[in-house]
């Protein structure tokens, strides 16, 4: 298929985690996409997501205060990785696999699609649906549970990026 082409496609947004062996250093979106082609065997989907973080490489601009000026100057510098915090509705039984991944280097796929895509469908079914994906290597660093007396219990899952972000890419028939 092709990239998503409508604004409403964000309603089908997923964060998938490849837990299998990552051979070598992936260097392209196609290499990462190949990891997720196997379907559900080595792929875990982040359950009940309430809020996704911004995905991608931030601007490499650093604010530099200059004595005597009303505003600071901006210069090119090293871009910091964005804060990757995913907020989920916390159901402990649904989060067991995510808890087990803490500290392990895995591959992440952030996918936006025009239609629902299940993990079990794998890449073959994704070919028939417009999708846009971003990939990166990282770790699940922390899971903070937020009990709530008046609303659903939530958890903040903090991810770290261990590689560059690859994308936007799309899985397309070859």
N, C-alpha and C. Protein backbone atom coordinates (compact mmCIF):
# COMPACT_ATOMS: atom_id res chain seq x y z
N UNK A 1 0.86 -1.17 0.00
CA UNK A 1 0.00 0.00 0.00
C UNK A 1 0.90 1.22 0.00
N UNK A 2 0.45 2.31 0.57
CA UNK A 2 1.22 3.55 0.58
C UNK A 2 1.09 4.20 1.95
N UNK A 3 1.70 5.38 2.07
CA UNK A 3 1.59 6.15 3.30
C UNK A 3 0.13 6.53 3.56
N UNK A 4 -0.18 6.81 4.83
CA UNK A 4 -1.53 7.29 5.15
C UNK A 4 -1.76 8.61 4.44
N UNK A 5 -3.02 8.88 4.11
CA UNK A 5 -3.31 10.09 3.33
C UNK A 5 -4.46 10.90 3.91
N UNK A 6 -4.90 10.57 5.13
CA UNK A 6 -5.97 11.34 5.75
C UNK A 6 -5.59 11.71 7.18
N UNK A 7 -6.18 12.77 7.69
CA UNK A 7 -5.89 13.22 9.04
C UNK A 7 -6.42 12.25 10.09
N UNK A 8 -7.52 11.58 9.81
CA UNK A 8 -8.14 10.70 10.79
C UNK A 8 -7.41 9.38 11.00
N UNK A 9 -6.34 9.15 10.27
CA UNK A 9 -5.63 7.88 10.38
C UNK A 9 -4.94 7.69 11.72
N UNK A 10 -4.77 8.73 12.48
CA UNK A 10 -4.13 8.63 13.79
C UNK A 10 -4.94 7.82 14.79
N UNK A 11 -6.22 7.58 14.50
CA UNK A 11 -7.04 6.80 15.42
C UNK A 11 -6.55 5.35 15.49
N UNK A 12 -5.89 4.87 14.45
CA UNK A 12 -5.31 3.53 14.44
C UNK A 12 -3.80 3.67 14.57
N UNK A 13 -3.36 4.00 15.76
CA UNK A 13 -1.95 4.19 16.04
C UNK A 13 -1.50 3.13 17.04
N UNK A 14 -0.34 2.53 16.77
CA UNK A 14 0.14 1.42 17.58
C UNK A 14 1.61 1.60 17.91
N UNK A 15 2.00 1.04 19.05
CA UNK A 15 3.41 0.94 19.41
C UNK A 15 3.70 -0.54 19.61
N UNK A 16 4.43 -1.11 18.67
CA UNK A 16 4.77 -2.53 18.72
C UNK A 16 6.23 -2.69 19.13
N UNK A 17 6.51 -3.81 19.80
CA UNK A 17 7.85 -4.07 20.31
C UNK A 17 8.29 -5.44 19.80
N UNK A 18 9.43 -5.47 19.10
CA UNK A 18 10.00 -6.73 18.63
C UNK A 18 10.93 -7.25 19.71
N UNK A 19 10.62 -8.43 20.25
CA UNK A 19 11.37 -8.97 21.38
C UNK A 19 12.37 -10.04 20.98
N UNK A 20 12.39 -10.41 19.70
CA UNK A 20 13.30 -11.46 19.24
C UNK A 20 14.73 -10.95 19.12
N UNK A 21 15.56 -11.80 18.57
CA UNK A 21 16.97 -11.46 18.39
C UNK A 21 17.11 -10.44 17.27
N UNK A 22 17.86 -9.38 17.54
CA UNK A 22 18.13 -8.36 16.54
C UNK A 22 19.53 -8.62 16.03
N UNK A 23 19.64 -9.14 14.81
CA UNK A 23 20.94 -9.50 14.24
C UNK A 23 21.60 -8.26 13.64
N UNK A 24 22.80 -7.96 14.11
CA UNK A 24 23.55 -6.84 13.55
C UNK A 24 22.93 -5.50 13.90
N UNK A 25 23.37 -4.50 13.19
CA UNK A 25 22.87 -3.15 13.40
C UNK A 25 21.98 -2.79 12.22
N UNK A 26 20.70 -2.56 12.49
CA UNK A 26 19.79 -2.20 11.42
C UNK A 26 20.15 -0.80 10.92
N UNK A 27 20.10 -0.61 9.62
CA UNK A 27 20.51 0.67 9.06
C UNK A 27 19.43 1.34 8.22
N UNK A 28 18.30 0.69 8.05
CA UNK A 28 17.24 1.30 7.26
C UNK A 28 15.88 0.88 7.79
N UNK A 29 14.86 1.60 7.36
CA UNK A 29 13.50 1.24 7.75
C UNK A 29 13.13 -0.15 7.24
N UNK A 30 13.63 -0.53 6.07
CA UNK A 30 13.34 -1.86 5.51
C UNK A 30 13.90 -2.96 6.40
N UNK A 31 15.09 -2.73 6.97
CA UNK A 31 15.68 -3.72 7.88
C UNK A 31 14.81 -3.89 9.12
N UNK A 32 14.32 -2.77 9.66
CA UNK A 32 13.44 -2.85 10.83
C UNK A 32 12.11 -3.49 10.47
N UNK A 33 11.54 -3.14 9.32
CA UNK A 33 10.26 -3.71 8.90
C UNK A 33 10.36 -5.22 8.80
N UNK A 34 11.51 -5.73 8.36
CA UNK A 34 11.70 -7.18 8.22
C UNK A 34 11.59 -7.87 9.58
N UNK A 35 11.97 -7.19 10.66
CA UNK A 35 11.87 -7.78 11.99
C UNK A 35 10.41 -8.08 12.37
N UNK A 36 9.51 -7.20 11.95
CA UNK A 36 8.11 -7.30 12.35
C UNK A 36 7.28 -8.16 11.40
N UNK A 37 7.87 -8.66 10.30
CA UNK A 37 7.12 -9.44 9.31
C UNK A 37 6.61 -10.77 9.84
N UNK A 38 7.22 -11.30 10.87
CA UNK A 38 6.85 -12.63 11.34
C UNK A 38 5.50 -12.72 12.03
N UNK A 39 4.86 -11.61 12.28
CA UNK A 39 3.57 -11.67 12.97
C UNK A 39 3.74 -11.63 14.47
N UNK A 40 2.92 -12.34 15.20
CA UNK A 40 2.83 -12.17 16.64
C UNK A 40 3.87 -12.91 17.47
N UNK A 41 4.64 -13.84 16.90
CA UNK A 41 5.54 -14.67 17.71
C UNK A 41 6.53 -13.85 18.53
N UNK A 42 7.16 -12.87 17.93
CA UNK A 42 8.16 -12.06 18.63
C UNK A 42 7.73 -10.61 18.79
N UNK A 43 6.45 -10.33 18.61
CA UNK A 43 5.97 -8.95 18.67
C UNK A 43 4.94 -8.78 19.77
N UNK A 44 5.16 -7.74 20.57
CA UNK A 44 4.23 -7.38 21.65
C UNK A 44 3.68 -6.00 21.33
N UNK A 45 2.39 -5.80 21.49
CA UNK A 45 1.79 -4.49 21.27
C UNK A 45 1.54 -3.83 22.63
N UNK A 46 1.92 -2.57 22.74
CA UNK A 46 1.66 -1.82 23.97
C UNK A 46 0.15 -1.74 24.15
N UNK A 47 -0.38 -2.29 25.26
CA UNK A 47 -1.84 -2.36 25.43
C UNK A 47 -2.46 -1.05 25.94
N UNK A 48 -3.67 -0.80 25.55
CA UNK A 48 -4.53 0.27 26.10
C UNK A 48 -3.85 1.63 26.18
N UNK A 49 -3.24 2.07 25.09
CA UNK A 49 -2.54 3.35 25.10
C UNK A 49 -3.53 4.50 25.16
N UNK A 50 -3.29 5.41 26.08
CA UNK A 50 -4.09 6.63 26.20
C UNK A 50 -3.43 7.80 25.49
N UNK A 51 -2.10 7.85 25.55
CA UNK A 51 -1.37 8.99 25.00
C UNK A 51 -0.01 8.54 24.50
N UNK A 52 0.30 8.90 23.25
CA UNK A 52 1.60 8.59 22.65
C UNK A 52 2.52 9.80 22.75
N UNK A 53 3.83 9.56 22.76
CA UNK A 53 4.78 10.68 22.72
C UNK A 53 4.97 11.15 21.28
N UNK A 54 5.67 12.26 21.13
CA UNK A 54 6.10 12.69 19.80
C UNK A 54 7.21 11.75 19.36
N UNK A 55 7.20 11.36 18.10
CA UNK A 55 8.20 10.45 17.57
C UNK A 55 8.99 11.15 16.48
N UNK A 56 10.30 11.01 16.51
CA UNK A 56 11.15 11.58 15.48
C UNK A 56 12.34 12.28 16.10
N UNK A 57 13.19 12.80 15.26
CA UNK A 57 14.40 13.49 15.71
C UNK A 57 14.08 14.97 15.91
N UNK A 58 14.32 15.49 17.11
CA UNK A 58 14.02 16.89 17.37
C UNK A 58 15.04 17.83 16.70
N UNK A 59 14.71 19.09 16.67
CA UNK A 59 15.61 20.09 16.10
C UNK A 59 16.90 20.14 16.90
N UNK A 60 18.00 20.39 16.21
CA UNK A 60 19.28 20.47 16.91
C UNK A 60 19.64 21.94 17.15
N UNK A 61 18.79 22.59 17.92
CA UNK A 61 18.97 24.01 18.24
C UNK A 61 19.17 24.14 19.74
N UNK A 62 20.18 24.92 20.11
CA UNK A 62 20.48 25.16 21.52
C UNK A 62 20.32 26.65 21.80
N UNK A 63 19.57 26.98 22.87
CA UNK A 63 19.43 28.37 23.28
C UNK A 63 20.65 28.77 24.09
N UNK A 64 21.27 29.90 23.72
CA UNK A 64 22.47 30.38 24.40
C UNK A 64 22.17 31.78 24.94
N UNK A 65 22.15 31.93 26.27
CA UNK A 65 21.91 33.26 26.82
C UNK A 65 23.10 34.19 26.52
N UNK A 66 22.78 35.42 26.14
CA UNK A 66 23.82 36.41 25.84
C UNK A 66 23.58 37.61 26.75
N UNK A 67 24.58 37.92 27.56
CA UNK A 67 24.46 39.03 28.51
C UNK A 67 24.16 40.32 27.76
N UNK A 68 23.14 41.01 28.23
CA UNK A 68 22.75 42.30 27.65
C UNK A 68 21.68 42.21 26.59
N UNK A 69 21.38 41.01 26.07
CA UNK A 69 20.32 40.88 25.08
C UNK A 69 19.03 40.49 25.78
N UNK A 70 17.90 40.93 25.21
CA UNK A 70 16.61 40.60 25.80
C UNK A 70 16.23 39.14 25.58
N UNK A 71 16.70 38.55 24.50
CA UNK A 71 16.41 37.14 24.23
C UNK A 71 17.72 36.39 24.02
N UNK A 72 17.68 35.09 24.22
CA UNK A 72 18.89 34.30 24.00
C UNK A 72 19.07 34.05 22.51
N UNK A 73 20.29 33.77 22.13
CA UNK A 73 20.60 33.42 20.74
C UNK A 73 20.39 31.92 20.57
N UNK A 74 20.21 31.51 19.34
CA UNK A 74 20.07 30.09 19.05
C UNK A 74 21.19 29.66 18.11
N UNK A 75 21.85 28.56 18.47
CA UNK A 75 22.92 28.03 17.65
C UNK A 75 22.67 26.55 17.39
N UNK A 76 23.31 26.04 16.35
CA UNK A 76 23.18 24.62 16.05
C UNK A 76 24.00 23.83 17.07
N UNK A 77 23.42 22.75 17.56
CA UNK A 77 24.10 21.92 18.54
C UNK A 77 23.66 20.48 18.40
N UNK A 78 23.99 19.67 19.37
CA UNK A 78 23.60 18.25 19.36
C UNK A 78 22.15 18.12 19.80
N UNK A 79 21.34 17.44 18.99
CA UNK A 79 19.94 17.22 19.34
C UNK A 79 19.84 16.16 20.43
N UNK A 80 19.02 16.41 21.43
CA UNK A 80 18.76 15.42 22.46
C UNK A 80 17.59 14.55 22.02
N UNK A 81 17.62 13.28 22.42
CA UNK A 81 16.49 12.41 22.12
C UNK A 81 15.25 12.95 22.82
N UNK A 82 14.10 12.81 22.21
CA UNK A 82 12.87 13.27 22.86
C UNK A 82 12.54 12.39 24.07
N UNK A 83 11.75 12.93 24.97
CA UNK A 83 11.26 12.13 26.09
C UNK A 83 10.17 11.22 25.55
N UNK A 84 10.37 9.94 25.67
CA UNK A 84 9.43 8.97 25.14
C UNK A 84 8.65 8.36 26.29
N UNK A 85 7.53 8.98 26.62
CA UNK A 85 6.67 8.49 27.68
C UNK A 85 5.29 8.16 27.11
N UNK A 86 4.91 6.90 27.27
CA UNK A 86 3.62 6.42 26.78
C UNK A 86 2.72 6.25 28.00
N UNK A 87 1.53 6.82 27.94
CA UNK A 87 0.56 6.65 29.02
C UNK A 87 -0.43 5.57 28.61
N UNK A 88 -0.61 4.57 29.47
CA UNK A 88 -1.52 3.46 29.18
C UNK A 88 -2.55 3.34 30.30
N UNK A 89 -3.73 2.80 29.96
CA UNK A 89 -4.68 2.38 30.99
C UNK A 89 -4.05 1.15 31.62
N UNK A 90 -3.86 1.17 32.94
CA UNK A 90 -3.09 0.12 33.59
C UNK A 90 -3.97 -1.02 34.07
N UNK A 91 -3.83 -2.16 33.40
CA UNK A 91 -4.41 -3.43 33.83
C UNK A 91 -3.22 -4.36 34.00
N UNK A 92 -2.85 -4.72 35.24
CA UNK A 92 -1.63 -5.48 35.47
C UNK A 92 -1.49 -6.73 34.60
N UNK A 93 -2.56 -7.49 34.39
CA UNK A 93 -2.47 -8.71 33.58
C UNK A 93 -2.08 -8.40 32.14
N UNK A 94 -2.54 -7.25 31.61
CA UNK A 94 -2.22 -6.87 30.23
C UNK A 94 -0.78 -6.38 30.09
N UNK A 95 -0.16 -5.96 31.19
CA UNK A 95 1.16 -5.34 31.15
C UNK A 95 2.30 -6.30 31.53
N UNK A 96 1.99 -7.57 31.80
CA UNK A 96 3.02 -8.51 32.23
C UNK A 96 4.19 -8.60 31.24
N UNK A 97 3.88 -8.69 29.94
CA UNK A 97 4.95 -8.79 28.94
C UNK A 97 5.80 -7.53 28.89
N UNK A 98 5.18 -6.38 29.09
CA UNK A 98 5.92 -5.11 29.06
C UNK A 98 6.83 -5.02 30.28
N UNK A 99 6.32 -5.40 31.46
CA UNK A 99 7.16 -5.42 32.67
C UNK A 99 8.38 -6.31 32.46
N UNK A 100 8.21 -7.45 31.81
CA UNK A 100 9.30 -8.41 31.60
C UNK A 100 10.39 -7.85 30.66
N UNK A 101 10.07 -6.82 29.88
CA UNK A 101 11.03 -6.26 28.92
C UNK A 101 11.91 -5.16 29.50
N UNK A 102 11.66 -4.74 30.74
CA UNK A 102 12.43 -3.63 31.31
C UNK A 102 13.94 -3.91 31.23
N UNK A 103 14.67 -2.94 30.67
CA UNK A 103 16.11 -3.02 30.57
C UNK A 103 16.65 -3.80 29.39
N UNK A 104 15.79 -4.46 28.63
CA UNK A 104 16.21 -5.27 27.48
C UNK A 104 16.17 -4.42 26.21
N UNK A 105 17.23 -4.48 25.38
CA UNK A 105 17.21 -3.73 24.12
C UNK A 105 16.29 -4.43 23.14
N UNK A 106 15.35 -3.69 22.59
CA UNK A 106 14.35 -4.21 21.66
C UNK A 106 14.20 -3.23 20.50
N UNK A 107 13.46 -3.63 19.49
CA UNK A 107 13.14 -2.74 18.38
C UNK A 107 11.69 -2.28 18.55
N UNK A 108 11.46 -1.00 18.32
CA UNK A 108 10.12 -0.43 18.42
C UNK A 108 9.62 -0.03 17.04
N UNK A 109 8.31 -0.23 16.82
CA UNK A 109 7.65 0.24 15.61
C UNK A 109 6.46 1.09 16.05
N UNK A 110 6.48 2.34 15.64
CA UNK A 110 5.37 3.25 15.88
C UNK A 110 4.62 3.33 14.56
N UNK A 111 3.37 2.83 14.54
CA UNK A 111 2.61 2.72 13.29
C UNK A 111 1.30 3.51 13.35
N UNK A 112 1.05 4.25 12.29
CA UNK A 112 -0.25 4.89 12.09
C UNK A 112 -0.84 4.24 10.84
N UNK A 113 -2.11 3.83 10.92
CA UNK A 113 -2.73 3.14 9.78
C UNK A 113 -4.13 3.67 9.54
N UNK A 114 -4.62 3.49 8.31
CA UNK A 114 -5.97 3.95 7.97
C UNK A 114 -7.04 2.98 8.44
N UNK A 115 -6.65 1.74 8.75
CA UNK A 115 -7.58 0.73 9.24
C UNK A 115 -6.92 -0.01 10.39
N UNK A 116 -7.71 -0.73 11.15
CA UNK A 116 -7.17 -1.51 12.26
C UNK A 116 -6.19 -2.56 11.74
N UNK A 117 -5.07 -2.73 12.46
CA UNK A 117 -4.06 -3.73 12.13
C UNK A 117 -3.77 -4.50 13.41
N UNK A 118 -3.93 -5.83 13.38
CA UNK A 118 -3.62 -6.62 14.56
C UNK A 118 -2.21 -7.17 14.45
N UNK A 119 -1.59 -7.48 15.58
CA UNK A 119 -0.23 -8.03 15.58
C UNK A 119 -0.21 -9.37 14.85
N UNK A 120 -1.24 -10.18 15.03
CA UNK A 120 -1.29 -11.52 14.44
C UNK A 120 -1.32 -11.46 12.91
N UNK A 121 -1.83 -10.38 12.33
CA UNK A 121 -1.90 -10.27 10.87
C UNK A 121 -0.52 -10.21 10.25
N UNK A 122 0.44 -9.60 10.95
CA UNK A 122 1.78 -9.48 10.41
C UNK A 122 1.84 -8.54 9.22
N UNK A 123 2.96 -8.55 8.55
CA UNK A 123 3.21 -7.61 7.46
C UNK A 123 2.34 -7.88 6.24
N UNK A 124 1.98 -9.13 5.99
CA UNK A 124 1.20 -9.45 4.79
C UNK A 124 -0.12 -8.69 4.77
N UNK A 125 -0.82 -8.63 5.90
CA UNK A 125 -2.09 -7.91 5.94
C UNK A 125 -1.86 -6.40 5.94
N UNK A 126 -0.73 -5.98 6.49
CA UNK A 126 -0.43 -4.55 6.53
C UNK A 126 -0.25 -4.01 5.12
N UNK A 127 0.20 -4.85 4.18
CA UNK A 127 0.40 -4.42 2.80
C UNK A 127 -0.88 -3.85 2.18
N UNK A 128 -2.03 -4.35 2.61
CA UNK A 128 -3.30 -3.95 2.03
C UNK A 128 -3.87 -2.69 2.68
N UNK A 129 -3.18 -2.13 3.66
CA UNK A 129 -3.69 -0.97 4.40
C UNK A 129 -2.67 0.16 4.36
N UNK A 130 -3.15 1.36 4.09
CA UNK A 130 -2.23 2.50 4.09
C UNK A 130 -1.65 2.64 5.50
N UNK A 131 -0.33 2.81 5.58
CA UNK A 131 0.34 2.88 6.87
C UNK A 131 1.58 3.76 6.78
N UNK A 132 1.93 4.37 7.89
CA UNK A 132 3.17 5.12 8.01
C UNK A 132 3.81 4.68 9.32
N UNK A 133 5.10 4.37 9.26
CA UNK A 133 5.78 3.78 10.40
C UNK A 133 7.10 4.48 10.69
N UNK A 134 7.47 4.47 11.98
CA UNK A 134 8.77 4.93 12.44
C UNK A 134 9.37 3.78 13.26
N UNK A 135 10.68 3.60 13.16
CA UNK A 135 11.36 2.51 13.86
C UNK A 135 12.53 3.07 14.66
N UNK A 136 12.85 2.40 15.76
CA UNK A 136 14.06 2.71 16.51
C UNK A 136 14.36 1.58 17.48
N UNK A 137 15.62 1.49 17.87
CA UNK A 137 16.03 0.56 18.92
C UNK A 137 15.97 1.30 20.23
N UNK A 138 15.57 0.60 21.28
CA UNK A 138 15.50 1.25 22.58
C UNK A 138 15.24 0.26 23.69
N UNK A 139 14.92 0.81 24.84
CA UNK A 139 14.65 -0.01 26.02
C UNK A 139 13.42 0.54 26.74
N UNK A 140 12.70 -0.35 27.41
CA UNK A 140 11.68 0.06 28.37
C UNK A 140 12.44 0.33 29.65
N UNK A 141 12.52 1.58 30.05
CA UNK A 141 13.34 1.97 31.19
C UNK A 141 12.59 1.94 32.52
N UNK A 142 11.33 2.36 32.51
CA UNK A 142 10.58 2.43 33.76
C UNK A 142 9.09 2.32 33.47
N UNK A 143 8.37 1.81 34.45
CA UNK A 143 6.91 1.78 34.40
C UNK A 143 6.42 2.31 35.73
N UNK A 144 5.80 3.48 35.71
CA UNK A 144 5.28 4.11 36.92
C UNK A 144 3.76 4.00 36.93
N UNK A 145 3.23 3.32 37.93
CA UNK A 145 1.78 3.12 38.03
C UNK A 145 1.19 4.32 38.76
N UNK A 146 0.10 4.86 38.20
CA UNK A 146 -0.58 6.02 38.75
C UNK A 146 -1.98 5.62 39.20
N UNK A 147 -2.16 5.26 40.49
CA UNK A 147 -3.50 4.90 40.96
C UNK A 147 -4.43 6.11 40.89
N UNK A 148 -5.68 5.86 40.58
CA UNK A 148 -6.65 6.95 40.49
C UNK A 148 -7.92 6.55 41.23
N UNK A 149 -8.43 7.45 42.06
CA UNK A 149 -9.64 7.17 42.81
C UNK A 149 -10.90 7.47 42.01
N UNK A 150 -10.78 8.39 41.04
CA UNK A 150 -11.97 8.82 40.31
C UNK A 150 -11.95 8.47 38.83
N UNK A 151 -10.84 7.95 38.34
CA UNK A 151 -10.71 7.63 36.92
C UNK A 151 -9.99 6.28 36.82
N UNK A 152 -9.65 5.88 35.63
CA UNK A 152 -8.94 4.61 35.42
C UNK A 152 -7.52 4.70 35.95
N UNK A 153 -7.00 3.60 36.47
CA UNK A 153 -5.59 3.54 36.83
C UNK A 153 -4.78 3.64 35.55
N UNK A 154 -3.69 4.37 35.60
CA UNK A 154 -2.84 4.51 34.43
C UNK A 154 -1.40 4.17 34.82
N UNK A 155 -0.57 4.03 33.82
CA UNK A 155 0.87 3.85 34.03
C UNK A 155 1.58 4.68 32.98
N UNK A 156 2.72 5.23 33.38
CA UNK A 156 3.58 5.95 32.46
C UNK A 156 4.76 5.03 32.15
N UNK A 157 4.89 4.65 30.89
CA UNK A 157 5.97 3.76 30.45
C UNK A 157 7.02 4.64 29.78
N UNK A 158 8.21 4.68 30.36
CA UNK A 158 9.30 5.50 29.83
C UNK A 158 10.21 4.63 28.97
N UNK A 159 10.42 5.07 27.73
CA UNK A 159 11.27 4.37 26.78
C UNK A 159 12.53 5.20 26.54
N UNK A 160 13.63 4.55 26.24
CA UNK A 160 14.83 5.28 25.84
C UNK A 160 15.16 4.89 24.41
N UNK A 161 15.65 5.84 23.63
CA UNK A 161 16.06 5.58 22.26
C UNK A 161 17.54 5.24 22.27
N UNK A 162 17.91 4.09 21.70
CA UNK A 162 19.29 3.65 21.63
C UNK A 162 19.85 3.76 20.21
N UNK A 163 19.03 4.27 19.29
CA UNK A 163 19.46 4.44 17.90
C UNK A 163 18.76 5.66 17.33
N UNK A 164 19.08 5.97 16.10
CA UNK A 164 18.36 7.02 15.39
C UNK A 164 16.94 6.54 15.09
N UNK A 165 16.08 7.49 14.74
CA UNK A 165 14.73 7.16 14.31
C UNK A 165 14.76 6.95 12.80
N UNK A 166 14.10 5.91 12.32
CA UNK A 166 14.01 5.62 10.91
C UNK A 166 12.56 5.77 10.48
N UNK A 167 12.32 6.60 9.50
CA UNK A 167 10.98 6.84 9.01
C UNK A 167 10.81 8.31 8.72
N UNK A 168 9.68 8.70 8.19
CA UNK A 168 8.51 7.88 7.96
C UNK A 168 8.74 6.90 6.82
N UNK A 169 8.26 5.69 7.05
CA UNK A 169 8.37 4.63 6.06
C UNK A 169 7.00 3.97 5.92
N UNK A 170 6.84 3.19 4.90
CA UNK A 170 5.60 2.43 4.74
C UNK A 170 5.93 1.04 4.24
N UNK A 171 5.18 0.06 4.71
CA UNK A 171 5.33 -1.29 4.19
C UNK A 171 4.53 -1.34 2.91
N UNK A 172 5.19 -1.66 1.82
CA UNK A 172 4.50 -1.69 0.54
C UNK A 172 4.84 -2.99 -0.18
N UNK A 173 3.92 -3.42 -1.04
CA UNK A 173 4.18 -4.62 -1.84
C UNK A 173 5.37 -4.38 -2.74
N UNK A 174 6.23 -5.39 -2.87
CA UNK A 174 7.42 -5.20 -3.71
C UNK A 174 7.20 -5.72 -5.10
